[in-house]
Amino acid sequence: MGLMFRCSASCCEDSQASMQQVHQCIERCHAPLAQAQALVTSELEKFQDRLARCTMHCNDKAKDSIDAGSKELQVKRQLESCVTKCVDDHMHLIPTMTKKMKESLLSIGK
């Protein structure tokens, strides 16, 4: 963000530039930060979607078990176990996701 603000400030220091040129310069300064924010948001949304799909699958399995006549306590235990596995599986994805985001963020500045 500091780079963006310093870049934007330097755009305003050009006394020969028109308002439109200054505005375009500022937009160029803001572009990398906007790209970085979009990238992080997209990755986190994908991660949340995957986790949500996994837990929805667990809910479907629990509903099927209830429909098949399983006891409520047994279904609750199965649901808890399934959701815990979803969380554990997705926790293992965080380092890879973080590495991918860092690499992508570094490429934005180049």
C-alpha atoms as a PDB file:
ATOM      1  CA  MET A   1       0.000   0.000   0.000  1.00  0.00           C
ATOM      2  CA  GLY A   2       2.895   2.319   0.758  1.00  0.00           C
ATOM      3  CA  LEU A   3       4.232   1.854  -2.751  1.00  0.00           C
ATOM      4  CA  MET A   4       0.805   2.619  -4.175  1.00  0.00           C
ATOM      5  CA  PHE A   5       0.457   5.846  -2.176  1.00  0.00           C
ATOM      6  CA  ARG A   6       3.997   6.992  -2.985  1.00  0.00           C
ATOM      7  CA  CYS A   7       3.393   6.228  -6.651  1.00  0.00           C
ATOM      8  CA  SER A   8       0.090   8.127  -6.574  1.00  0.00           C
ATOM      9  CA  ALA A   9       1.725  11.091  -4.851  1.00  0.00           C
ATOM     10  CA  SER A  10       4.423  11.231  -7.524  1.00  0.00           C
ATOM     11  CA  CYS A  11       1.678  11.355 -10.180  1.00  0.00           C
ATOM     12  CA  CYS A  12       0.371  14.537  -8.575  1.00  0.00           C
ATOM     13  CA  GLU A  13       3.797  16.184  -8.559  1.00  0.00           C
ATOM     14  CA  ASP A  14       4.009  16.411 -12.352  1.00  0.00           C
ATOM     15  CA  SER A  15       2.944  20.019 -12.945  1.00  0.00           C
ATOM     16  CA  GLN A  16       2.972  19.509 -16.736  1.00  0.00           C
ATOM     17  CA  ALA A  17       0.423  16.658 -16.647  1.00  0.00           C
ATOM     18  CA  SER A  18      -3.250  17.194 -17.376  1.00  0.00           C
ATOM     19  CA  MET A  19      -5.897  16.075 -14.873  1.00  0.00           C
ATOM     20  CA  GLN A  20      -6.648  13.109 -17.137  1.00  0.00           C
ATOM     21  CA  GLN A  21      -2.966  12.108 -17.247  1.00  0.00           C
ATOM     22  CA  VAL A  22      -2.704  12.398 -13.455  1.00  0.00           C
ATOM     23  CA  HIS A  23      -5.843  10.293 -13.064  1.00  0.00           C
ATOM     24  CA  GLN A  24      -4.503   7.618 -15.444  1.00  0.00           C
ATOM     25  CA  CYS A  25      -1.185   7.619 -13.606  1.00  0.00           C
ATOM     26  CA  ILE A  26      -2.955   7.108 -10.268  1.00  0.00           C
ATOM     27  CA  GLU A  27      -5.023   4.269 -11.743  1.00  0.00           C
ATOM     28  CA  ARG A  28      -1.803   2.577 -12.897  1.00  0.00           C
ATOM     29  CA  CYS A  29      -0.460   2.925  -9.354  1.00  0.00           C
ATOM     30  CA  HIS A  30      -3.596   1.335  -7.875  1.00  0.00           C
ATOM     31  CA  ALA A  31      -3.763  -1.556 -10.365  1.00  0.00           C
ATOM     32  CA  PRO A  32      -1.241  -3.895  -8.653  1.00  0.00           C
ATOM     33  CA  LEU A  33      -2.940  -3.526  -5.257  1.00  0.00           C
ATOM     34  CA  ALA A  34      -6.367  -4.168  -6.804  1.00  0.00           C
ATOM     35  CA  GLN A  35      -4.970  -7.253  -8.576  1.00  0.00           C
ATOM     36  CA  ALA A  36      -3.448  -8.504  -5.326  1.00  0.00           C
ATOM     37  CA  GLN A  37      -6.697  -8.024  -3.423  1.00  0.00           C
ATOM     38  CA  ALA A  38      -8.676  -9.785  -6.146  1.00  0.00           C
ATOM     39  CA  LEU A  39      -6.242 -12.691  -6.189  1.00  0.00           C
ATOM     40  CA  VAL A  40      -6.383 -13.207  -2.414  1.00  0.00           C
ATOM     41  CA  THR A  41     -10.168 -12.874  -2.375  1.00  0.00           C
ATOM     42  CA  SER A  42     -10.519 -15.399  -5.193  1.00  0.00           C
ATOM     43  CA  GLU A  43      -8.255 -17.965  -3.526  1.00  0.00           C
ATOM     44  CA  LEU A  44     -10.050 -17.640  -0.187  1.00  0.00           C
ATOM     45  CA  GLU A  45     -13.445 -17.939  -1.875  1.00  0.00           C
ATOM     46  CA  LYS A  46     -12.340 -21.127  -3.648  1.00  0.00           C
ATOM     47  CA  PHE A  47     -11.096 -22.543  -0.345  1.00  0.00           C
ATOM     48  CA  GLN A  48     -14.359 -21.673   1.434  1.00  0.00           C
ATOM     49  CA  ASP A  49     -16.411 -23.155  -1.416  1.00  0.00           C
ATOM     50  CA  ARG A  50     -14.488 -26.416  -1.254  1.00  0.00           C
ATOM     51  CA  LEU A  51     -14.927 -26.629   2.520  1.00  0.00           C
ATOM     52  CA  ALA A  52     -18.632 -25.806   2.210  1.00  0.00           C
ATOM     53  CA  ARG A  53     -19.118 -28.520  -0.447  1.00  0.00           C
ATOM     54  CA  CYS A  54     -17.421 -31.041   1.817  1.00  0.00           C
ATOM     55  CA  THR A  55     -19.629 -30.182   4.797  1.00  0.00           C
ATOM     56  CA  MET A  56     -22.726 -30.230   2.554  1.00  0.00           C
ATOM     57  CA  HIS A  57     -21.740 -33.767   1.537  1.00  0.00           C
ATOM     58  CA  CYS A  58     -21.568 -34.653   5.246  1.00  0.00           C
ATOM     59  CA  ASN A  59     -25.050 -33.186   5.778  1.00  0.00           C
ATOM     60  CA  ASP A  60     -26.393 -35.214   2.852  1.00  0.00           C
ATOM     61  CA  LYS A  61     -24.890 -38.402   4.291  1.00  0.00           C
ATOM     62  CA  ALA A  62     -26.424 -37.627   7.698  1.00  0.00           C
ATOM     63  CA  LYS A  63     -29.846 -37.023   6.134  1.00  0.00           C
ATOM     64  CA  ASP A  64     -29.567 -40.301   4.218  1.00  0.00           C
ATOM     65  CA  SER A  65     -28.686 -42.120   7.446  1.00  0.00           C
ATOM     66  CA  ILE A  66     -31.704 -40.639   9.231  1.00  0.00           C
ATOM     67  CA  ASP A  67     -33.932 -41.576   6.284  1.00  0.00           C
ATOM     68  CA  ALA A  68     -32.531 -45.124   6.468  1.00  0.00           C
ATOM     69  CA  GLY A  69     -33.555 -45.325  10.122  1.00  0.00           C
ATOM     70  CA  SER A  70     -30.274 -44.725  11.930  1.00  0.00           C
ATOM     71  CA  LYS A  71     -30.439 -43.470  15.487  1.00  0.00           C
ATOM     72  CA  GLU A  72     -30.012 -39.733  16.075  1.00  0.00           C
ATOM     73  CA  LEU A  73     -26.960 -40.083  18.323  1.00  0.00           C
ATOM     74  CA  GLN A  74     -25.234 -42.329  15.778  1.00  0.00           C
ATOM     75  CA  VAL A  75     -25.993 -39.855  12.979  1.00  0.00           C
ATOM     76  CA  LYS A  76     -24.662 -36.944  15.077  1.00  0.00           C
ATOM     77  CA  ARG A  77     -21.416 -38.826  15.666  1.00  0.00           C
ATOM     78  CA  GLN A  78     -21.097 -39.653  11.954  1.00  0.00           C
ATOM     79  CA  LEU A  79     -21.768 -36.025  11.031  1.00  0.00           C
ATOM     80  CA  GLU A  80     -19.222 -34.742  13.547  1.00  0.00           C
ATOM     81  CA  SER A  81     -16.620 -37.218  12.308  1.00  0.00           C
ATOM     82  CA  CYS A  82     -17.272 -36.315   8.674  1.00  0.00           C
ATOM     83  CA  VAL A  83     -17.095 -32.543   9.273  1.00  0.00           C
ATOM     84  CA  THR A  84     -13.918 -32.975  11.354  1.00  0.00           C
ATOM     85  CA  LYS A  85     -12.360 -34.883   8.446  1.00  0.00           C
ATOM     86  CA  CYS A  86     -13.373 -32.073   6.064  1.00  0.00           C
ATOM     87  CA  VAL A  87     -11.660 -29.509   8.263  1.00  0.00           C
ATOM     88  CA  ASP A  88      -8.543 -31.659   8.704  1.00  0.00           C
ATOM     89  CA  ASP A  89      -8.290 -32.317   4.958  1.00  0.00           C
ATOM     90  CA  HIS A  90      -8.678 -28.629   4.154  1.00  0.00           C
ATOM     91  CA  MET A  91      -6.184 -27.542   6.822  1.00  0.00           C
ATOM     92  CA  HIS A  92      -3.573 -29.517   4.884  1.00  0.00           C
ATOM     93  CA  LEU A  93      -4.342 -27.429   1.784  1.00  0.00           C
ATOM     94  CA  ILE A  94      -3.511 -24.111   3.488  1.00  0.00           C
ATOM     95  CA  PRO A  95       0.303 -24.249   3.050  1.00  0.00           C
ATOM     96  CA  THR A  96      -0.045 -24.993  -0.683  1.00  0.00           C
ATOM     97  CA  MET A  97      -2.672 -22.275  -1.090  1.00  0.00           C
ATOM     98  CA  THR A  98      -0.460 -19.808   0.798  1.00  0.00           C
ATOM     99  CA  LYS A  99       2.566 -20.664  -1.353  1.00  0.00           C
ATOM    100  CA  LYS A 100       0.507 -20.263  -4.543  1.00  0.00           C
ATOM    101  CA  MET A 101      -0.797 -16.880  -3.391  1.00  0.00           C
ATOM    102  CA  LYS A 102       2.705 -15.655  -2.480  1.00  0.00           C
ATOM    103  CA  GLU A 103       4.063 -16.688  -5.877  1.00  0.00           C
ATOM    104  CA  SER A 104       1.152 -15.024  -7.660  1.00  0.00           C
ATOM    105  CA  LEU A 105       1.513 -11.854  -5.579  1.00  0.00           C
ATOM    106  CA  LEU A 106       5.221 -11.659  -6.370  1.00  0.00           C
ATOM    107  CA  SER A 107       4.477 -11.920 -10.088  1.00  0.00           C
ATOM    108  CA  ILE A 108       2.051  -8.967  -9.912  1.00  0.00           C
ATOM    109  CA  GLY A 109       4.807  -6.575  -8.915  1.00  0.00           C
ATOM    110  CA  LYS A 110       6.995  -7.579 -11.863  1.00  0.00           C
END
